[in-house]
Amino acid sequence: DELALDFPVLWASGRDGWASFDRDKRDRGVEDLFEAIMDRVDA
């Protein structure tokens, strides 16, 4: 459905330990992924 098609995309490297909404910013670790989980997944 439309909600599923409106998915957020994170660029990541599990080996290097980063996941970001901006593939050129790799200094925040996986903080963006934490925030995506909190925003996207309902309690």
PDB file of all heavy atoms in Angstrom:
ATOM      1  N   ASP A   1       0.832  -1.200   0.000  1.00  0.00           N
ATOM      2  CA  ASP A   1       0.000   0.000   0.000  1.00  0.00           C
ATOM      3  C   ASP A   1       0.870   1.255   0.000  1.00  0.00           C
ATOM      4  O   ASP A   1       2.108   1.187   0.008  1.00  0.00           O
ATOM      5  CB  ASP A   1      -0.950  -0.003   1.201  1.00  0.00           C
ATOM      6  CG  ASP A   1      -0.214  -0.081   2.534  1.00  0.00           C
ATOM      7  OD1 ASP A   1       0.962   0.345   2.602  1.00  0.00           O
ATOM      8  OD2 ASP A   1      -0.806  -0.559   3.517  1.00  0.00           O
ATOM      9  N   GLU A   2       0.241   2.413  -0.004  1.00  0.00           N
ATOM     10  CA  GLU A   2       0.981   3.676  -0.120  1.00  0.00           C
ATOM     11  C   GLU A   2       1.882   3.926   1.078  1.00  0.00           C
ATOM     12  O   GLU A   2       2.975   4.485   0.939  1.00  0.00           O
ATOM     13  CB  GLU A   2      -0.004   4.834  -0.295  1.00  0.00           C
ATOM     14  CG  GLU A   2      -0.760   4.807  -1.626  1.00  0.00           C
ATOM     15  CD  GLU A   2      -1.646   6.023  -1.793  1.00  0.00           C
ATOM     16  OE1 GLU A   2      -1.634   6.889  -0.892  1.00  0.00           O
ATOM     17  OE2 GLU A   2      -2.345   6.109  -2.822  1.00  0.00           O
ATOM     18  N   LEU A   3       1.444   3.528   2.266  1.00  0.00           N
ATOM     19  CA  LEU A   3       2.277   3.725   3.453  1.00  0.00           C
ATOM     20  C   LEU A   3       3.557   2.917   3.364  1.00  0.00           C
ATOM     21  O   LEU A   3       4.639   3.393   3.734  1.00  0.00           O
ATOM     22  CB  LEU A   3       1.494   3.347   4.712  1.00  0.00           C
ATOM     23  CG  LEU A   3       0.365   4.287   5.129  1.00  0.00           C
ATOM     24  CD1 LEU A   3      -0.378   3.729   6.328  1.00  0.00           C
ATOM     25  CD2 LEU A   3       0.923   5.671   5.448  1.00  0.00           C
ATOM     26  N   ALA A   4       3.449   1.682   2.888  1.00  0.00           N
ATOM     27  CA  ALA A   4       4.644   0.845   2.752  1.00  0.00           C
ATOM     28  C   ALA A   4       5.560   1.363   1.644  1.00  0.00           C
ATOM     29  O   ALA A   4       6.792   1.272   1.757  1.00  0.00           O
ATOM     30  CB  ALA A   4       4.240  -0.606   2.471  1.00  0.00           C
ATOM     31  N   LEU A   5       4.970   1.915   0.577  1.00  0.00           N
ATOM     32  CA  LEU A   5       5.782   2.433  -0.528  1.00  0.00           C
ATOM     33  C   LEU A   5       6.510   3.720  -0.148  1.00  0.00           C
ATOM     34  O   LEU A   5       7.526   4.058  -0.767  1.00  0.00           O
ATOM     35  CB  LEU A   5       4.899   2.674  -1.754  1.00  0.00           C
ATOM     36  CG  LEU A   5       4.341   1.426  -2.438  1.00  0.00           C
ATOM     37  CD1 LEU A   5       3.370   1.813  -3.541  1.00  0.00           C
ATOM     38  CD2 LEU A   5       5.470   0.562  -2.990  1.00  0.00           C
ATOM     39  N   ASP A   6       6.011   4.401   0.860  1.00  0.00           N
ATOM     40  CA  ASP A   6       6.670   5.628   1.322  1.00  0.00           C
ATOM     41  C   ASP A   6       7.711   5.280   2.382  1.00  0.00           C
ATOM     42  O   ASP A   6       7.669   5.757   3.512  1.00  0.00           O
ATOM     43  CB  ASP A   6       5.616   6.589   1.889  1.00  0.00           C
ATOM     44  CG  ASP A   6       6.223   7.938   2.251  1.00  0.00           C
ATOM     45  OD1 ASP A   6       7.258   8.302   1.659  1.00  0.00           O
ATOM     46  OD2 ASP A   6       5.659   8.614   3.140  1.00  0.00           O
ATOM     47  N   PHE A   7       8.644   4.432   2.021  1.00  0.00           N
ATOM     48  CA  PHE A   7       9.603   3.924   2.995  1.00  0.00           C
ATOM     49  C   PHE A   7      10.824   4.840   3.123  1.00  0.00           C
ATOM     50  O   PHE A   7      11.273   5.428   2.145  1.00  0.00           O
ATOM     51  CB  PHE A   7      10.065   2.510   2.606  1.00  0.00           C
ATOM     52  CG  PHE A   7      10.626   2.400   1.207  1.00  0.00           C
ATOM     53  CD1 PHE A   7      11.942   2.729   0.928  1.00  0.00           C
ATOM     54  CD2 PHE A   7       9.818   1.952   0.166  1.00  0.00           C
ATOM     55  CE1 PHE A   7      12.460   2.611  -0.356  1.00  0.00           C
ATOM     56  CE2 PHE A   7      10.320   1.830  -1.131  1.00  0.00           C
ATOM     57  CZ  PHE A   7      11.648   2.163  -1.396  1.00  0.00           C
ATOM     58  N   PRO A   8      11.363   4.972   4.342  1.00  0.00           N
ATOM     59  CA  PRO A   8      12.621   5.700   4.506  1.00  0.00           C
ATOM     60  C   PRO A   8      13.789   4.838   4.058  1.00  0.00           C
ATOM     61  O   PRO A   8      13.725   3.595   4.145  1.00  0.00           O
ATOM     62  CB  PRO A   8      12.678   5.969   6.017  1.00  0.00           C
ATOM     63  CG  PRO A   8      11.872   4.871   6.617  1.00  0.00           C
ATOM     64  CD  PRO A   8      10.793   4.535   5.623  1.00  0.00           C
ATOM     65  N   VAL A   9      14.837   5.463   3.569  1.00  0.00           N
ATOM     66  CA  VAL A   9      16.024   4.748   3.100  1.00  0.00           C
ATOM     67  C   VAL A   9      17.231   5.214   3.897  1.00  0.00           C
ATOM     68  O   VAL A   9      17.477   6.422   4.038  1.00  0.00           O
ATOM     69  CB  VAL A   9      16.278   4.988   1.595  1.00  0.00           C
ATOM     70  CG1 VAL A   9      17.543   4.268   1.148  1.00  0.00           C
ATOM     71  CG2 VAL A   9      15.085   4.522   0.782  1.00  0.00           C
ATOM     72  N   LEU A  10      17.976   4.253   4.434  1.00  0.00           N
ATOM     73  CA  LEU A  10      19.224   4.561   5.117  1.00  0.00           C
ATOM     74  C   LEU A  10      20.360   3.859   4.389  1.00  0.00           C
ATOM     75  O   LEU A  10      20.228   2.705   3.970  1.00  0.00           O
ATOM     76  CB  LEU A  10      19.184   4.109   6.576  1.00  0.00           C
ATOM     77  CG  LEU A  10      18.262   4.923   7.482  1.00  0.00           C
ATOM     78  CD1 LEU A  10      16.964   4.172   7.714  1.00  0.00           C
ATOM     79  CD2 LEU A  10      18.928   5.270   8.800  1.00  0.00           C
ATOM     80  N   TRP A  11      21.460   4.577   4.233  1.00  0.00           N
ATOM     81  CA  TRP A  11      22.658   4.012   3.625  1.00  0.00           C
ATOM     82  C   TRP A  11      23.561   3.558   4.769  1.00  0.00           C
ATOM     83  O   TRP A  11      23.740   4.291   5.746  1.00  0.00           O
ATOM     84  CB  TRP A  11      23.358   5.055   2.750  1.00  0.00           C
ATOM     85  CG  TRP A  11      22.393   5.890   1.950  1.00  0.00           C
ATOM     86  CD1 TRP A  11      21.934   7.126   2.248  1.00  0.00           C
ATOM     87  CD2 TRP A  11      21.730   5.504   0.740  1.00  0.00           C
ATOM     88  NE1 TRP A  11      21.033   7.561   1.290  1.00  0.00           N
ATOM     89  CE2 TRP A  11      20.890   6.578   0.356  1.00  0.00           C
ATOM     90  CE3 TRP A  11      21.758   4.359  -0.054  1.00  0.00           C
ATOM     91  CZ2 TRP A  11      20.100   6.537  -0.782  1.00  0.00           C
ATOM     92  CZ3 TRP A  11      20.970   4.320  -1.193  1.00  0.00           C
ATOM     93  CH2 TRP A  11      20.161   5.390  -1.556  1.00  0.00           C
ATOM     94  N   ALA A  12      24.131   2.359   4.643  1.00  0.00           N
ATOM     95  CA  ALA A  12      24.812   1.806   5.806  1.00  0.00           C
ATOM     96  C   ALA A  12      26.011   0.955   5.413  1.00  0.00           C
ATOM     97  O   ALA A  12      26.145   0.496   4.272  1.00  0.00           O
ATOM     98  CB  ALA A  12      23.837   0.959   6.626  1.00  0.00           C
ATOM     99  N   SER A  13      26.858   0.750   6.402  1.00  0.00           N
ATOM    100  CA  SER A  13      27.927  -0.236   6.342  1.00  0.00           C
ATOM    101  C   SER A  13      28.007  -0.873   7.722  1.00  0.00           C
ATOM    102  O   SER A  13      28.501  -0.269   8.665  1.00  0.00           O
ATOM    103  CB  SER A  13      29.274   0.414   5.983  1.00  0.00           C
ATOM    104  OG  SER A  13      30.323  -0.527   6.139  1.00  0.00           O
ATOM    105  N   GLY A  14      27.466  -2.081   7.823  1.00  0.00           N
ATOM    106  CA  GLY A  14      27.471  -2.755   9.115  1.00  0.00           C
ATOM    107  C   GLY A  14      28.876  -3.010   9.615  1.00  0.00           C
ATOM    108  O   GLY A  14      29.149  -2.925  10.816  1.00  0.00           O
ATOM    109  N   ARG A  15      29.781  -3.309   8.714  1.00  0.00           N
ATOM    110  CA  ARG A  15      31.160  -3.577   9.118  1.00  0.00           C
ATOM    111  C   ARG A  15      31.823  -2.333   9.703  1.00  0.00           C
ATOM    112  O   ARG A  15      32.539  -2.410  10.711  1.00  0.00           O
ATOM    113  CB  ARG A  15      31.958  -4.078   7.909  1.00  0.00           C
ATOM    114  CG  ARG A  15      33.388  -4.468   8.238  1.00  0.00           C
ATOM    115  CD  ARG A  15      34.139  -4.890   6.997  1.00  0.00           C
ATOM    116  NE  ARG A  15      34.268  -3.780   6.041  1.00  0.00           N
ATOM    117  CZ  ARG A  15      34.883  -3.876   4.868  1.00  0.00           C
ATOM    118  NH1 ARG A  15      35.385  -5.030   4.493  1.00  0.00           N
ATOM    119  NH2 ARG A  15      34.964  -2.839   4.062  1.00  0.00           N
ATOM    120  N   ASP A  16      31.573  -1.181   9.099  1.00  0.00           N
ATOM    121  CA  ASP A  16      32.185   0.054   9.577  1.00  0.00           C
ATOM    122  C   ASP A  16      31.368   0.731  10.670  1.00  0.00           C
ATOM    123  O   ASP A  16      31.824   1.706  11.276  1.00  0.00           O
ATOM    124  CB  ASP A  16      32.378   1.030   8.404  1.00  0.00           C
ATOM    125  CG  ASP A  16      33.366   0.496   7.377  1.00  0.00           C
ATOM    126  OD1 ASP A  16      34.163  -0.398   7.737  1.00  0.00           O
ATOM    127  OD2 ASP A  16      33.329   0.951   6.217  1.00  0.00           O
ATOM    128  N   GLY A  17      30.127   0.268  10.891  1.00  0.00           N
ATOM    129  CA  GLY A  17      29.351   0.759  12.021  1.00  0.00           C
ATOM    130  C   GLY A  17      28.641   2.080  11.803  1.00  0.00           C
ATOM    131  O   GLY A  17      28.536   2.876  12.727  1.00  0.00           O
ATOM    132  N   TRP A  18      28.122   2.327  10.604  1.00  0.00           N
ATOM    133  CA  TRP A  18      27.360   3.562  10.396  1.00  0.00           C
ATOM    134  C   TRP A  18      26.124   3.280   9.545  1.00  0.00           C
ATOM    135  O   TRP A  18      26.092   2.380   8.729  1.00  0.00           O
ATOM    136  CB  TRP A  18      28.217   4.654   9.727  1.00  0.00           C
ATOM    137  CG  TRP A  18      28.762   4.306   8.376  1.00  0.00           C
ATOM    138  CD1 TRP A  18      29.947   3.711   8.093  1.00  0.00           C
ATOM    139  CD2 TRP A  18      28.133   4.547   7.105  1.00  0.00           C
ATOM    140  NE1 TRP A  18      30.106   3.536   6.739  1.00  0.00           N
ATOM    141  CE2 TRP A  18      29.014   4.055   6.104  1.00  0.00           C
ATOM    142  CE3 TRP A  18      26.930   5.126   6.715  1.00  0.00           C
ATOM    143  CZ2 TRP A  18      28.718   4.130   4.757  1.00  0.00           C
ATOM    144  CZ3 TRP A  18      26.633   5.193   5.361  1.00  0.00           C
ATOM    145  CH2 TRP A  18      27.517   4.714   4.396  1.00  0.00           C
ATOM    146  N   ALA A  19      25.091   4.053   9.781  1.00  0.00           N
ATOM    147  CA  ALA A  19      23.847   4.017   9.003  1.00  0.00           C
ATOM    148  C   ALA A  19      23.283   5.429   9.019  1.00  0.00           C
ATOM    149  O   ALA A  19      23.017   5.985  10.087  1.00  0.00           O
ATOM    150  CB  ALA A  19      22.849   3.023   9.591  1.00  0.00           C
ATOM    151  N   SER A  20      23.093   6.011   7.840  1.00  0.00           N
ATOM    152  CA  SER A  20      22.752   7.429   7.770  1.00  0.00           C
ATOM    153  C   SER A  20      21.747   7.698   6.655  1.00  0.00           C
ATOM    154  O   SER A  20      21.697   6.976   5.648  1.00  0.00           O
ATOM    155  CB  SER A  20      24.028   8.250   7.536  1.00  0.00           C
ATOM    156  OG  SER A  20      23.732   9.601   7.308  1.00  0.00           O
ATOM    157  N   PHE A  21      20.947   8.765   6.856  1.00  0.00           N
ATOM    158  CA  PHE A  21      20.061   9.225   5.787  1.00  0.00           C
ATOM    159  C   PHE A  21      20.855   9.891   4.667  1.00  0.00           C
ATOM    160  O   PHE A  21      20.386   9.999   3.540  1.00  0.00           O
ATOM    161  CB  PHE A  21      19.028  10.217   6.342  1.00  0.00           C
ATOM    162  CG  PHE A  21      17.983   9.573   7.207  1.00  0.00           C
ATOM    163  CD1 PHE A  21      17.896   9.860   8.557  1.00  0.00           C
ATOM    164  CD2 PHE A  21      17.087   8.656   6.677  1.00  0.00           C
ATOM    165  CE1 PHE A  21      16.935   9.271   9.357  1.00  0.00           C
ATOM    166  CE2 PHE A  21      16.107   8.059   7.463  1.00  0.00           C
ATOM    167  CZ  PHE A  21      16.042   8.371   8.809  1.00  0.00           C
ATOM    168  N   ASP A  22      22.047  10.358   4.984  1.00  0.00           N
ATOM    169  CA  ASP A  22      22.933  10.994   4.015  1.00  0.00           C
ATOM    170  C   ASP A  22      24.165  10.109   3.857  1.00  0.00           C
ATOM    171  O   ASP A  22      24.940   9.937   4.799  1.00  0.00           O
ATOM    172  CB  ASP A  22      23.343  12.386   4.501  1.00  0.00           C
ATOM    173  CG  ASP A  22      24.150  13.160   3.476  1.00  0.00           C
ATOM    174  OD1 ASP A  22      24.695  12.525   2.541  1.00  0.00           O
ATOM    175  OD2 ASP A  22      24.246  14.398   3.606  1.00  0.00           O
ATOM    176  N   ARG A  23      24.353   9.549   2.669  1.00  0.00           N
ATOM    177  CA  ARG A  23      25.436   8.585   2.497  1.00  0.00           C
ATOM    178  C   ARG A  23      26.821   9.202   2.650  1.00  0.00           C
ATOM    179  O   ARG A  23      27.819   8.481   2.793  1.00  0.00           O
ATOM    180  CB  ARG A  23      25.312   7.908   1.137  1.00  0.00           C
ATOM    181  CG  ARG A  23      25.708   8.757  -0.049  1.00  0.00           C
ATOM    182  CD  ARG A  23      25.519   8.028  -1.361  1.00  0.00           C
ATOM    183  NE  ARG A  23      24.117   7.910  -1.716  1.00  0.00           N
ATOM    184  CZ  ARG A  23      23.696   7.419  -2.875  1.00  0.00           C
ATOM    185  NH1 ARG A  23      24.555   6.971  -3.763  1.00  0.00           N
ATOM    186  NH2 ARG A  23      22.414   7.346  -3.148  1.00  0.00           N
ATOM    187  N   ASP A  24      26.902  10.531   2.608  1.00  0.00           N
ATOM    188  CA  ASP A  24      28.200  11.190   2.754  1.00  0.00           C
ATOM    189  C   ASP A  24      28.526  11.532   4.204  1.00  0.00           C
ATOM    190  O   ASP A  24      29.635  11.961   4.507  1.00  0.00           O
ATOM    191  CB  ASP A  24      28.233  12.475   1.912  1.00  0.00           C
ATOM    192  CG  ASP A  24      28.119  12.178   0.420  1.00  0.00           C
ATOM    193  OD1 ASP A  24      28.678  11.157  -0.017  1.00  0.00           O
ATOM    194  OD2 ASP A  24      27.460  12.967  -0.290  1.00  0.00           O
ATOM    195  N   LYS A  25      27.559  11.341   5.111  1.00  0.00           N
ATOM    196  CA  LYS A  25      27.788  11.626   6.532  1.00  0.00           C
ATOM    197  C   LYS A  25      27.847  10.310   7.288  1.00  0.00           C
ATOM    198  O   LYS A  25      26.835   9.619   7.439  1.00  0.00           O
ATOM    199  CB  LYS A  25      26.669  12.511   7.087  1.00  0.00           C
ATOM    200  CG  LYS A  25      26.665  13.914   6.506  1.00  0.00           C
ATOM    201  CD  LYS A  25      25.604  14.777   7.166  1.00  0.00           C
ATOM    202  CE  LYS A  25      25.619  16.197   6.613  1.00  0.00           C
ATOM    203  NZ  LYS A  25      24.578  17.057   7.243  1.00  0.00           N
ATOM    204  N   ARG A  26      29.038   9.991   7.739  1.00  0.00           N
ATOM    205  CA  ARG A  26      29.250   8.687   8.356  1.00  0.00           C
ATOM    206  C   ARG A  26      29.822   8.801   9.765  1.00  0.00           C
ATOM    207  O   ARG A  26      30.413   7.854  10.277  1.00  0.00           O
ATOM    208  CB  ARG A  26      30.195   7.858   7.482  1.00  0.00           C
ATOM    209  CG  ARG A  26      29.739   7.772   6.034  1.00  0.00           C
ATOM    210  CD  ARG A  26      30.681   6.953   5.173  1.00  0.00           C
ATOM    211  NE  ARG A  26      30.184   6.842   3.795  1.00  0.00           N
ATOM    212  CZ  ARG A  26      30.768   6.123   2.854  1.00  0.00           C
ATOM    213  NH1 ARG A  26      31.874   5.437   3.137  1.00  0.00           N
ATOM    214  NH2 ARG A  26      30.251   6.065   1.638  1.00  0.00           N
ATOM    215  N   ASP A  27      29.642   9.964  10.388  1.00  0.00           N
ATOM    216  CA  ASP A  27      30.271  10.197  11.693  1.00  0.00           C
ATOM    217  C   ASP A  27      29.301  10.069  12.866  1.00  0.00           C
ATOM    218  O   ASP A  27      29.677  10.325  14.004  1.00  0.00           O
ATOM    219  CB  ASP A  27      30.911  11.588  11.713  1.00  0.00           C
ATOM    220  CG  ASP A  27      29.908  12.689  11.393  1.00  0.00           C
ATOM    221  OD1 ASP A  27      28.785  12.359  10.948  1.00  0.00           O
ATOM    222  OD2 ASP A  27      30.251  13.883  11.579  1.00  0.00           O
ATOM    223  N   ARG A  28      28.050   9.669  12.600  1.00  0.00           N
ATOM    224  CA  ARG A  28      27.070   9.580  13.686  1.00  0.00           C
ATOM    225  C   ARG A  28      26.747   8.135  14.063  1.00  0.00           C
ATOM    226  O   ARG A  28      25.789   7.874  14.793  1.00  0.00           O
ATOM    227  CB  ARG A  28      25.770  10.290  13.293  1.00  0.00           C
ATOM    228  CG  ARG A  28      25.926  11.775  13.006  1.00  0.00           C
ATOM    229  CD  ARG A  28      24.568  12.406  12.792  1.00  0.00           C
ATOM    230  NE  ARG A  28      23.766  12.397  14.020  1.00  0.00           N
ATOM    231  CZ  ARG A  28      22.454  12.200  14.047  1.00  0.00           C
ATOM    232  NH1 ARG A  28      21.796  11.932  12.928  1.00  0.00           N
ATOM    233  NH2 ARG A  28      21.790  12.240  15.185  1.00  0.00           N
ATOM    234  N   GLY A  29      27.538   7.185  13.560  1.00  0.00           N
ATOM    235  CA  GLY A  29      27.246   5.791  13.854  1.00  0.00           C
ATOM    236  C   GLY A  29      25.903   5.388  13.263  1.00  0.00           C
ATOM    237  O   GLY A  29      25.591   5.701  12.117  1.00  0.00           O
ATOM    238  N   VAL A  30      25.075   4.700  14.065  1.00  0.00           N
ATOM    239  CA  VAL A  30      23.755   4.259  13.598  1.00  0.00           C
ATOM    240  C   VAL A  30      22.649   5.093  14.248  1.00  0.00           C
ATOM    241  O   VAL A  30      21.512   4.641  14.374  1.00  0.00           O
ATOM    242  CB  VAL A  30      23.535   2.754  13.884  1.00  0.00           C
ATOM    243  CG1 VAL A  30      24.504   1.910  13.076  1.00  0.00           C
ATOM    244  CG2 VAL A  30      23.666   2.451  15.371  1.00  0.00           C
ATOM    245  N   GLU A  31      22.978   6.306  14.642  1.00  0.00           N
ATOM    246  CA  GLU A  31      22.002   7.166  15.315  1.00  0.00           C
ATOM    247  C   GLU A  31      20.775   7.421  14.439  1.00  0.00           C
ATOM    248  O   GLU A  31      19.633   7.420  14.926  1.00  0.00           O
ATOM    249  CB  GLU A  31      22.655   8.500  15.697  1.00  0.00           C
ATOM    250  CG  GLU A  31      21.816   9.359  16.634  1.00  0.00           C
ATOM    251  CD  GLU A  31      21.653   8.756  18.014  1.00  0.00           C
ATOM    252  OE1 GLU A  31      22.513   7.955  18.417  1.00  0.00           O
ATOM    253  OE2 GLU A  31      20.659   9.095  18.689  1.00  0.00           O
ATOM    254  N   ASP A  32      20.986   7.617  13.145  1.00  0.00           N
ATOM    255  CA  ASP A  32      19.848   7.835  12.245  1.00  0.00           C
ATOM    256  C   ASP A  32      18.932   6.618  12.193  1.00  0.00           C
ATOM    257  O   ASP A  32      17.705   6.748  12.084  1.00  0.00           O
ATOM    258  CB  ASP A  32      20.345   8.169  10.835  1.00  0.00           C
ATOM    259  CG  ASP A  32      20.878   9.598  10.734  1.00  0.00           C
ATOM    260  OD1 ASP A  32      20.794  10.325  11.738  1.00  0.00           O
ATOM    261  OD2 ASP A  32      21.375   9.965   9.654  1.00  0.00           O
ATOM    262  N   LEU A  33      19.514   5.432  12.274  1.00  0.00           N
ATOM    263  CA  LEU A  33      18.709   4.216  12.259  1.00  0.00           C
ATOM    264  C   LEU A  33      17.904   4.081  13.548  1.00  0.00           C
ATOM    265  O   LEU A  33      16.734   3.685  13.525  1.00  0.00           O
ATOM    266  CB  LEU A  33      19.599   2.995  12.051  1.00  0.00           C
ATOM    267  CG  LEU A  33      18.893   1.641  11.920  1.00  0.00           C
ATOM    268  CD1 LEU A  33      17.796   1.690  10.873  1.00  0.00           C
ATOM    269  CD2 LEU A  33      19.899   0.540  11.588  1.00  0.00           C
ATOM    270  N   PHE A  34      18.511   4.434  14.680  1.00  0.00           N
ATOM    271  CA  PHE A  34      17.752   4.462  15.933  1.00  0.00           C
ATOM    272  C   PHE A  34      16.533   5.371  15.800  1.00  0.00           C
ATOM    273  O   PHE A  34      15.415   5.016  16.181  1.00  0.00           O
ATOM    274  CB  PHE A  34      18.639   4.970  17.081  1.00  0.00           C
ATOM    275  CG  PHE A  34      19.618   3.958  17.603  1.00  0.00           C
ATOM    276  CD1 PHE A  34      20.932   4.321  17.867  1.00  0.00           C
ATOM    277  CD2 PHE A  34      19.238   2.649  17.851  1.00  0.00           C
ATOM    278  CE1 PHE A  34      21.837   3.416  18.357  1.00  0.00           C
ATOM    279  CE2 PHE A  34      20.138   1.727  18.347  1.00  0.00           C
ATOM    280  CZ  PHE A  34      21.448   2.107  18.594  1.00  0.00           C
ATOM    281  N   GLU A  35      16.768   6.566  15.259  1.00  0.00           N
ATOM    282  CA  GLU A  35      15.673   7.532  15.129  1.00  0.00           C
ATOM    283  C   GLU A  35      14.605   7.041  14.147  1.00  0.00           C
ATOM    284  O   GLU A  35      13.406   7.262  14.361  1.00  0.00           O
ATOM    285  CB  GLU A  35      16.239   8.875  14.674  1.00  0.00           C
ATOM    286  CG  GLU A  35      17.154   9.527  15.720  1.00  0.00           C
ATOM    287  CD  GLU A  35      17.791  10.801  15.213  1.00  0.00           C
ATOM    288  OE1 GLU A  35      17.527  11.171  14.044  1.00  0.00           O
ATOM    289  OE2 GLU A  35      18.563  11.431  15.971  1.00  0.00           O
ATOM    290  N   ALA A  36      15.017   6.368  13.072  1.00  0.00           N
ATOM    291  CA  ALA A  36      14.047   5.841  12.104  1.00  0.00           C
ATOM    292  C   ALA A  36      13.165   4.789  12.761  1.00  0.00           C
ATOM    293  O   ALA A  36      11.955   4.731  12.517  1.00  0.00           O
ATOM    294  CB  ALA A  36      14.773   5.263  10.893  1.00  0.00           C
ATOM    295  N   ILE A  37      13.756   3.951  13.599  1.00  0.00           N
ATOM    296  CA  ILE A  37      12.973   2.924  14.294  1.00  0.00           C
ATOM    297  C   ILE A  37      11.963   3.577  15.226  1.00  0.00           C
ATOM    298  O   ILE A  37      10.788   3.194  15.272  1.00  0.00           O
ATOM    299  CB  ILE A  37      13.906   1.978  15.075  1.00  0.00           C
ATOM    300  CG1 ILE A  37      14.760   1.156  14.116  1.00  0.00           C
ATOM    301  CG2 ILE A  37      13.105   1.050  15.987  1.00  0.00           C
ATOM    302  CD1 ILE A  37      15.843   0.335  14.793  1.00  0.00           C
ATOM    303  N   MET A  38      12.395   4.583  15.971  1.00  0.00           N
ATOM    304  CA  MET A  38      11.500   5.248  16.922  1.00  0.00           C
ATOM    305  C   MET A  38      10.363   5.969  16.191  1.00  0.00           C
ATOM    306  O   MET A  38       9.222   6.001  16.673  1.00  0.00           O
ATOM    307  CB  MET A  38      12.291   6.231  17.774  1.00  0.00           C
ATOM    308  CG  MET A  38      13.406   5.592  18.605  1.00  0.00           C
ATOM    309  SD  MET A  38      12.812   4.314  19.729  1.00  0.00           S
ATOM    310  CE  MET A  38      11.889   5.307  20.863  1.00  0.00           C
ATOM    311  N   ASP A  39      10.659   6.558  15.029  1.00  0.00           N
ATOM    312  CA  ASP A  39       9.646   7.326  14.299  1.00  0.00           C
ATOM    313  C   ASP A  39       8.712   6.430  13.478  1.00  0.00           C
ATOM    314  O   ASP A  39       7.517   6.706  13.365  1.00  0.00           O
ATOM    315  CB  ASP A  39      10.322   8.338  13.365  1.00  0.00           C
ATOM    316  CG  ASP A  39      11.069   9.419  14.130  1.00  0.00           C
ATOM    317  OD1 ASP A  39      10.746   9.615  15.321  1.00  0.00           O
ATOM    318  OD2 ASP A  39      11.966  10.044  13.545  1.00  0.00           O
ATOM    319  N   ARG A  40       9.262   5.375  12.898  1.00  0.00           N
ATOM    320  CA  ARG A  40       8.512   4.575  11.932  1.00  0.00           C
ATOM    321  C   ARG A  40       7.729   3.424  12.570  1.00  0.00           C
ATOM    322  O   ARG A  40       6.652   3.067  12.097  1.00  0.00           O
ATOM    323  CB  ARG A  40       9.499   4.024  10.895  1.00  0.00           C
ATOM    324  CG  ARG A  40       8.867   3.216   9.771  1.00  0.00           C
ATOM    325  CD  ARG A  40       8.185   4.094   8.755  1.00  0.00           C
ATOM    326  NE  ARG A  40       7.748   3.328   7.580  1.00  0.00           N
ATOM    327  CZ  ARG A  40       7.143   3.846   6.536  1.00  0.00           C
ATOM    328  NH1 ARG A  40       6.900   5.140   6.494  1.00  0.00           N
ATOM    329  NH2 ARG A  40       6.771   3.092   5.519  1.00  0.00           N
ATOM    330  N   VAL A  41       8.278   2.846  13.627  1.00  0.00           N
ATOM    331  CA  VAL A  41       7.648   1.689  14.262  1.00  0.00           C
ATOM    332  C   VAL A  41       6.787   2.162  15.424  1.00  0.00           C
ATOM    333  O   VAL A  41       7.292   2.774  16.378  1.00  0.00           O
ATOM    334  CB  VAL A  41       8.698   0.673  14.746  1.00  0.00           C
ATOM    335  CG1 VAL A  41       8.013  -0.539  15.372  1.00  0.00           C
ATOM    336  CG2 VAL A  41       9.597   0.245  13.594  1.00  0.00           C
ATOM    337  N   ASP A  42       5.510   1.888  15.345  1.00  0.00           N
ATOM    338  CA  ASP A  42       4.593   2.307  16.409  1.00  0.00           C
ATOM    339  C   ASP A  42       4.801   1.470  17.661  1.00  0.00           C
ATOM    340  O   ASP A  42       5.119   0.277  17.599  1.00  0.00           O
ATOM    341  CB  ASP A  42       3.136   2.161  15.948  1.00  0.00           C
ATOM    342  CG  ASP A  42       2.809   3.085  14.784  1.00  0.00           C
ATOM    343  OD1 ASP A  42       3.408   4.171  14.722  1.00  0.00           O
ATOM    344  OD2 ASP A  42       1.972   2.704  13.938  1.00  0.00           O
ATOM    345  N   ALA A  43       4.598   2.105  18.799  1.00  0.00           N
ATOM    346  CA  ALA A  43       4.646   1.375  20.067  1.00  0.00           C
ATOM    347  C   ALA A  43       3.454   0.424  20.148  1.00  0.00           C
ATOM    348  O   ALA A  43       2.410   0.671  19.548  1.00  0.00           O
ATOM    349  CB  ALA A  43       4.620   2.354  21.238  1.00  0.00           C
TER     350      ALA A  43
END
